[in-house]
Amino acid sequence: MTDAGPAREILLDFFDRIRELVVGLTDDLSEEESRYRPDPQANSIGWLLWHATRVQDDHVADLARTDQCWPTWRERFELPFDDWATGYGQDADDVGRVRVPAELLAGYHADVDQLTRLYLSSLTTDELERVVDTRWDPPVTAAARLVSVVGDLQQHLGQAAYVRGLVQRRDQAWHAPGVADH
């Protein structure tokens, strides 16, 4: 069993950046901003943060062969979903049902971040090579699952940052440089 030091350091850096994004997105996020949707079919910031954190919690806990953080948070979120919902396959109506304060989203993610760091601190090369899902060809390893989680988180947090930018600028008039008002 060999130490996975360089891989662990890269993964820790990825998850440091993810944590920074979540903190930045939840900092001073009002409930109205959290629920904002550019159109009725779009995802809200709150749903994107909840979904991204649920996926991280679900996947990392599975890799670590430990309990998810979600059961200690589920009742506080008061969501009308199955107890283990992660947001996968939800429709626009479900997105609209996620109405939670930023402090709750930030707190849940902080716990999931700690779970993630605990798992990453024990990484070995053997663990990274461990097959965790044989339904795919080639089978999915722990390393591939972690890369998938990072990619998913970056995508959803990028979407949340974009929507937050939209909501912050929605009432501001935009003028292209050099274009006069008529």
C-alpha atoms as a PDB file:
ATOM      1  CA  MET A   1       0.000   0.000   0.000  1.00  0.00           C
ATOM      2  CA  THR A   2       1.631   3.230  -1.117  1.00  0.00           C
ATOM      3  CA  ASP A   3       0.907   6.763  -0.056  1.00  0.00           C
ATOM      4  CA  ALA A   4      -1.135   8.812  -2.513  1.00  0.00           C
ATOM      5  CA  GLY A   5       0.512  12.084  -1.413  1.00  0.00           C
ATOM      6  CA  PRO A   6       0.618  13.967  -4.742  1.00  0.00           C
ATOM      7  CA  ALA A   7      -2.899  12.873  -5.723  1.00  0.00           C
ATOM      8  CA  ARG A   8      -4.188  13.709  -2.243  1.00  0.00           C
ATOM      9  CA  GLU A   9      -2.650  17.192  -2.425  1.00  0.00           C
ATOM     10  CA  ILE A  10      -4.270  17.856  -5.805  1.00  0.00           C
ATOM     11  CA  LEU A  11      -7.648  16.645  -4.556  1.00  0.00           C
ATOM     12  CA  LEU A  12      -7.344  18.727  -1.373  1.00  0.00           C
ATOM     13  CA  ASP A  13      -6.608  21.765  -3.543  1.00  0.00           C
ATOM     14  CA  PHE A  14      -9.709  21.059  -5.660  1.00  0.00           C
ATOM     15  CA  PHE A  15     -11.882  20.741  -2.562  1.00  0.00           C
ATOM     16  CA  ASP A  16     -10.304  23.890  -1.029  1.00  0.00           C
ATOM     17  CA  ARG A  17     -11.464  25.764  -4.123  1.00  0.00           C
ATOM     18  CA  ILE A  18     -14.918  24.221  -3.926  1.00  0.00           C
ATOM     19  CA  ARG A  19     -15.224  25.257  -0.281  1.00  0.00           C
ATOM     20  CA  GLU A  20     -14.149  28.801  -1.165  1.00  0.00           C
ATOM     21  CA  LEU A  21     -16.814  28.930  -3.889  1.00  0.00           C
ATOM     22  CA  VAL A  22     -19.546  27.776  -1.515  1.00  0.00           C
ATOM     23  CA  VAL A  23     -18.488  30.277   1.151  1.00  0.00           C
ATOM     24  CA  GLY A  24     -18.416  33.066  -1.448  1.00  0.00           C
ATOM     25  CA  LEU A  25     -21.801  32.103  -2.824  1.00  0.00           C
ATOM     26  CA  THR A  26     -23.512  31.871   0.569  1.00  0.00           C
ATOM     27  CA  ASP A  27     -21.892  34.982   2.054  1.00  0.00           C
ATOM     28  CA  ASP A  28     -24.596  37.657   2.320  1.00  0.00           C
ATOM     29  CA  LEU A  29     -26.956  35.617   0.127  1.00  0.00           C
ATOM     30  CA  SER A  30     -30.517  36.657   0.894  1.00  0.00           C
ATOM     31  CA  GLU A  31     -33.392  34.164   0.778  1.00  0.00           C
ATOM     32  CA  GLU A  32     -34.817  36.056  -2.193  1.00  0.00           C
ATOM     33  CA  GLU A  33     -31.494  35.771  -4.044  1.00  0.00           C
ATOM     34  CA  SER A  34     -31.241  32.103  -3.100  1.00  0.00           C
ATOM     35  CA  ARG A  35     -34.639  31.429  -4.717  1.00  0.00           C
ATOM     36  CA  TYR A  36     -34.072  33.595  -7.825  1.00  0.00           C
ATOM     37  CA  ARG A  37     -34.527  31.799 -11.145  1.00  0.00           C
ATOM     38  CA  PRO A  38     -33.835  33.543 -14.466  1.00  0.00           C
ATOM     39  CA  ASP A  39     -36.882  31.749 -15.881  1.00  0.00           C
ATOM     40  CA  PRO A  40     -39.391  29.204 -14.540  1.00  0.00           C
ATOM     41  CA  GLN A  41     -37.361  26.226 -15.808  1.00  0.00           C
ATOM     42  CA  ALA A  42     -33.982  27.413 -14.468  1.00  0.00           C
ATOM     43  CA  ASN A  43     -32.236  26.233 -11.321  1.00  0.00           C
ATOM     44  CA  SER A  44     -32.016  28.579  -8.348  1.00  0.00           C
ATOM     45  CA  ILE A  45     -28.836  29.304  -6.427  1.00  0.00           C
ATOM     46  CA  GLY A  46     -30.254  27.539  -3.382  1.00  0.00           C
ATOM     47  CA  TRP A  47     -31.162  24.409  -5.318  1.00  0.00           C
ATOM     48  CA  LEU A  48     -27.758  24.331  -7.045  1.00  0.00           C
ATOM     49  CA  LEU A  49     -25.917  24.624  -3.721  1.00  0.00           C
ATOM     50  CA  TRP A  50     -28.132  22.018  -2.051  1.00  0.00           C
ATOM     51  CA  HIS A  51     -27.816  19.595  -4.972  1.00  0.00           C
ATOM     52  CA  ALA A  52     -24.034  20.011  -5.293  1.00  0.00           C
ATOM     53  CA  THR A  53     -23.575  19.436  -1.564  1.00  0.00           C
ATOM     54  CA  ARG A  54     -25.915  16.432  -1.561  1.00  0.00           C
ATOM     55  CA  VAL A  55     -23.932  14.849  -4.409  1.00  0.00           C
ATOM     56  CA  GLN A  56     -20.631  15.468  -2.620  1.00  0.00           C
ATOM     57  CA  ASP A  57     -22.040  14.068   0.626  1.00  0.00           C
ATOM     58  CA  ASP A  58     -23.570  11.001  -1.049  1.00  0.00           C
ATOM     59  CA  HIS A  59     -20.568  10.111  -3.171  1.00  0.00           C
ATOM     60  CA  VAL A  60     -17.805  10.814  -0.659  1.00  0.00           C
ATOM     61  CA  ALA A  61     -19.615   8.994   2.158  1.00  0.00           C
ATOM     62  CA  ASP A  62     -20.035   6.018  -0.166  1.00  0.00           C
ATOM     63  CA  LEU A  63     -16.325   6.080  -1.020  1.00  0.00           C
ATOM     64  CA  ALA A  64     -15.371   6.420   2.643  1.00  0.00           C
ATOM     65  CA  ARG A  65     -17.812   3.668   3.598  1.00  0.00           C
ATOM     66  CA  THR A  66     -19.317   5.893   6.261  1.00  0.00           C
ATOM     67  CA  ASP A  67     -22.574   7.674   7.007  1.00  0.00           C
ATOM     68  CA  GLN A  68     -23.602  10.778   5.113  1.00  0.00           C
ATOM     69  CA  CYS A  69     -23.889  14.102   6.929  1.00  0.00           C
ATOM     70  CA  TRP A  70     -27.394  14.596   5.517  1.00  0.00           C
ATOM     71  CA  PRO A  71     -29.392  12.857   8.289  1.00  0.00           C
ATOM     72  CA  THR A  72     -28.257  15.468  10.827  1.00  0.00           C
ATOM     73  CA  TRP A  73     -29.352  18.283   8.468  1.00  0.00           C
ATOM     74  CA  ARG A  74     -32.406  16.828   6.709  1.00  0.00           C
ATOM     75  CA  GLU A  75     -35.065  17.999   9.183  1.00  0.00           C
ATOM     76  CA  ARG A  76     -33.680  21.543   9.263  1.00  0.00           C
ATOM     77  CA  PHE A  77     -34.021  21.802   5.486  1.00  0.00           C
ATOM     78  CA  GLU A  78     -37.712  20.805   5.615  1.00  0.00           C
ATOM     79  CA  LEU A  79     -37.715  19.658   1.991  1.00  0.00           C
ATOM     80  CA  PRO A  80     -40.708  17.733   0.625  1.00  0.00           C
ATOM     81  CA  PHE A  81     -38.544  15.064  -1.003  1.00  0.00           C
ATOM     82  CA  ASP A  82     -37.578  11.487  -0.333  1.00  0.00           C
ATOM     83  CA  ASP A  83     -35.243  11.350   2.679  1.00  0.00           C
ATOM     84  CA  TRP A  84     -32.240  10.517   0.506  1.00  0.00           C
ATOM     85  CA  ALA A  85     -32.961  12.788  -2.497  1.00  0.00           C
ATOM     86  CA  THR A  86     -29.912  14.406  -4.043  1.00  0.00           C
ATOM     87  CA  GLY A  87     -31.682  16.469  -6.688  1.00  0.00           C
ATOM     88  CA  TYR A  88     -30.895  14.040  -9.480  1.00  0.00           C
ATOM     89  CA  GLY A  89     -33.860  13.822 -11.870  1.00  0.00           C
ATOM     90  CA  GLN A  90     -35.812  16.607 -10.202  1.00  0.00           C
ATOM     91  CA  ASP A  91     -37.989  18.897 -12.313  1.00  0.00           C
ATOM     92  CA  ALA A  92     -38.608  22.647 -12.274  1.00  0.00           C
ATOM     93  CA  ASP A  93     -41.353  22.327  -9.649  1.00  0.00           C
ATOM     94  CA  ASP A  94     -38.957  20.487  -7.338  1.00  0.00           C
ATOM     95  CA  VAL A  95     -36.340  23.191  -7.828  1.00  0.00           C
ATOM     96  CA  GLY A  96     -38.887  25.762  -6.683  1.00  0.00           C
ATOM     97  CA  ARG A  97     -39.487  23.808  -3.469  1.00  0.00           C
ATOM     98  CA  VAL A  98     -35.923  24.363  -2.241  1.00  0.00           C
ATOM     99  CA  ARG A  99     -36.250  27.428  -0.035  1.00  0.00           C
ATOM    100  CA  VAL A 100     -33.535  27.407   2.578  1.00  0.00           C
ATOM    101  CA  PRO A 101     -31.409  30.135   4.146  1.00  0.00           C
ATOM    102  CA  ALA A 102     -27.803  30.575   3.093  1.00  0.00           C
ATOM    103  CA  GLU A 103     -26.586  29.804   6.628  1.00  0.00           C
ATOM    104  CA  LEU A 104     -28.134  26.349   6.397  1.00  0.00           C
ATOM    105  CA  LEU A 105     -26.554  25.679   3.005  1.00  0.00           C
ATOM    106  CA  ALA A 106     -23.175  26.901   4.260  1.00  0.00           C
ATOM    107  CA  GLY A 107     -23.367  24.845   7.463  1.00  0.00           C
ATOM    108  CA  TYR A 108     -24.312  21.649   5.683  1.00  0.00           C
ATOM    109  CA  HIS A 109     -21.504  22.127   3.183  1.00  0.00           C
ATOM    110  CA  ALA A 110     -19.003  22.777   6.004  1.00  0.00           C
ATOM    111  CA  ASP A 111     -19.871  19.376   7.500  1.00  0.00           C
ATOM    112  CA  VAL A 112     -19.595  17.666   4.107  1.00  0.00           C
ATOM    113  CA  ASP A 113     -16.264  19.398   3.546  1.00  0.00           C
ATOM    114  CA  GLN A 114     -14.992  17.927   6.830  1.00  0.00           C
ATOM    115  CA  LEU A 115     -16.205  14.464   5.792  1.00  0.00           C
ATOM    116  CA  THR A 116     -14.381  14.910   2.480  1.00  0.00           C
ATOM    117  CA  ARG A 117     -11.136  16.012   4.155  1.00  0.00           C
ATOM    118  CA  LEU A 118     -11.247  13.093   6.562  1.00  0.00           C
ATOM    119  CA  TYR A 119     -11.592  10.669   3.654  1.00  0.00           C
ATOM    120  CA  LEU A 120      -8.877  12.378   1.596  1.00  0.00           C
ATOM    121  CA  SER A 121      -6.468  12.328   4.547  1.00  0.00           C
ATOM    122  CA  SER A 122      -6.477   8.524   4.450  1.00  0.00           C
ATOM    123  CA  LEU A 123      -6.005   8.113   0.687  1.00  0.00           C
ATOM    124  CA  THR A 124      -3.596   5.491  -0.545  1.00  0.00           C
ATOM    125  CA  THR A 125      -2.813   4.423  -4.071  1.00  0.00           C
ATOM    126  CA  ASP A 126      -4.701   1.194  -3.417  1.00  0.00           C
ATOM    127  CA  GLU A 127      -7.765   3.176  -2.356  1.00  0.00           C
ATOM    128  CA  LEU A 128      -7.634   5.350  -5.469  1.00  0.00           C
ATOM    129  CA  GLU A 129      -7.463   2.206  -7.611  1.00  0.00           C
ATOM    130  CA  ARG A 130     -10.320   0.464  -5.754  1.00  0.00           C
ATOM    131  CA  VAL A 131     -13.256  -0.349  -8.056  1.00  0.00           C
ATOM    132  CA  VAL A 132     -16.394   1.252  -6.649  1.00  0.00           C
ATOM    133  CA  ASP A 133     -18.883   0.664  -9.478  1.00  0.00           C
ATOM    134  CA  THR A 134     -18.827  -2.277 -11.883  1.00  0.00           C
ATOM    135  CA  ARG A 135     -21.856  -1.112 -13.908  1.00  0.00           C
ATOM    136  CA  TRP A 136     -19.584   0.797 -16.296  1.00  0.00           C
ATOM    137  CA  ASP A 137     -16.973  -0.317 -18.802  1.00  0.00           C
ATOM    138  CA  PRO A 138     -14.321   0.225 -17.633  1.00  0.00           C
ATOM    139  CA  PRO A 139     -15.396  -0.110 -14.006  1.00  0.00           C
ATOM    140  CA  VAL A 140     -15.306   3.103 -11.969  1.00  0.00           C
ATOM    141  CA  THR A 141     -12.453   3.508  -9.492  1.00  0.00           C
ATOM    142  CA  ALA A 142     -12.431   5.721  -6.414  1.00  0.00           C
ATOM    143  CA  ALA A 143     -10.115   8.093  -8.307  1.00  0.00           C
ATOM    144  CA  ALA A 144     -12.549   8.343 -11.226  1.00  0.00           C
ATOM    145  CA  ARG A 145     -15.456   8.919  -8.818  1.00  0.00           C
ATOM    146  CA  LEU A 146     -13.574  11.749  -7.085  1.00  0.00           C
ATOM    147  CA  VAL A 147     -12.776  13.383 -10.423  1.00  0.00           C
ATOM    148  CA  SER A 148     -16.450  13.057 -11.370  1.00  0.00           C
ATOM    149  CA  VAL A 149     -17.535  14.674  -8.102  1.00  0.00           C
ATOM    150  CA  VAL A 150     -15.102  17.568  -8.571  1.00  0.00           C
ATOM    151  CA  GLY A 151     -16.334  18.094 -12.148  1.00  0.00           C
ATOM    152  CA  ASP A 152     -19.978  18.043 -11.081  1.00  0.00           C
ATOM    153  CA  LEU A 153     -19.347  20.449  -8.214  1.00  0.00           C
ATOM    154  CA  GLN A 154     -17.430  22.879 -10.400  1.00  0.00           C
ATOM    155  CA  GLN A 155     -20.189  22.849 -12.991  1.00  0.00           C
ATOM    156  CA  HIS A 156     -23.022  23.433 -10.515  1.00  0.00           C
ATOM    157  CA  LEU A 157     -21.157  26.008  -8.456  1.00  0.00           C
ATOM    158  CA  GLY A 158     -20.228  27.847 -11.647  1.00  0.00           C
ATOM    159  CA  GLN A 159     -23.913  27.884 -12.561  1.00  0.00           C
ATOM    160  CA  ALA A 160     -24.792  29.200  -9.103  1.00  0.00           C
ATOM    161  CA  ALA A 161     -22.166  31.959  -9.441  1.00  0.00           C
ATOM    162  CA  TYR A 162     -23.597  32.904 -12.836  1.00  0.00           C
ATOM    163  CA  VAL A 163     -27.144  33.079 -11.468  1.00  0.00           C
ATOM    164  CA  ARG A 164     -25.931  35.115  -8.483  1.00  0.00           C
ATOM    165  CA  GLY A 165     -24.371  37.565 -10.933  1.00  0.00           C
ATOM    166  CA  LEU A 166     -27.654  37.766 -12.829  1.00  0.00           C
ATOM    167  CA  VAL A 167     -29.678  38.442  -9.702  1.00  0.00           C
ATOM    168  CA  GLN A 168     -27.238  41.088  -8.512  1.00  0.00           C
ATOM    169  CA  ARG A 169     -27.407  42.907 -11.842  1.00  0.00           C
ATOM    170  CA  ARG A 170     -31.054  42.328 -12.767  1.00  0.00           C
ATOM    171  CA  ASP A 171     -32.162  45.811 -11.801  1.00  0.00           C
ATOM    172  CA  GLN A 172     -29.158  47.576 -13.285  1.00  0.00           C
ATOM    173  CA  ALA A 173     -29.327  48.949 -16.814  1.00  0.00           C
ATOM    174  CA  TRP A 174     -26.667  47.444 -19.033  1.00  0.00           C
ATOM    175  CA  HIS A 175     -25.101  49.553 -21.723  1.00  0.00           C
ATOM    176  CA  ALA A 176     -22.557  48.284 -24.192  1.00  0.00           C
ATOM    177  CA  PRO A 177     -19.457  50.486 -24.339  1.00  0.00           C
ATOM    178  CA  GLY A 178     -19.760  53.022 -27.113  1.00  0.00           C
ATOM    179  CA  VAL A 179     -23.498  52.458 -27.653  1.00  0.00           C
ATOM    180  CA  ALA A 180     -25.562  55.550 -27.042  1.00  0.00           C
ATOM    181  CA  ASP A 181     -29.067  55.486 -25.570  1.00  0.00           C
ATOM    182  CA  HIS A 182     -31.806  56.328 -28.061  1.00  0.00           C
END
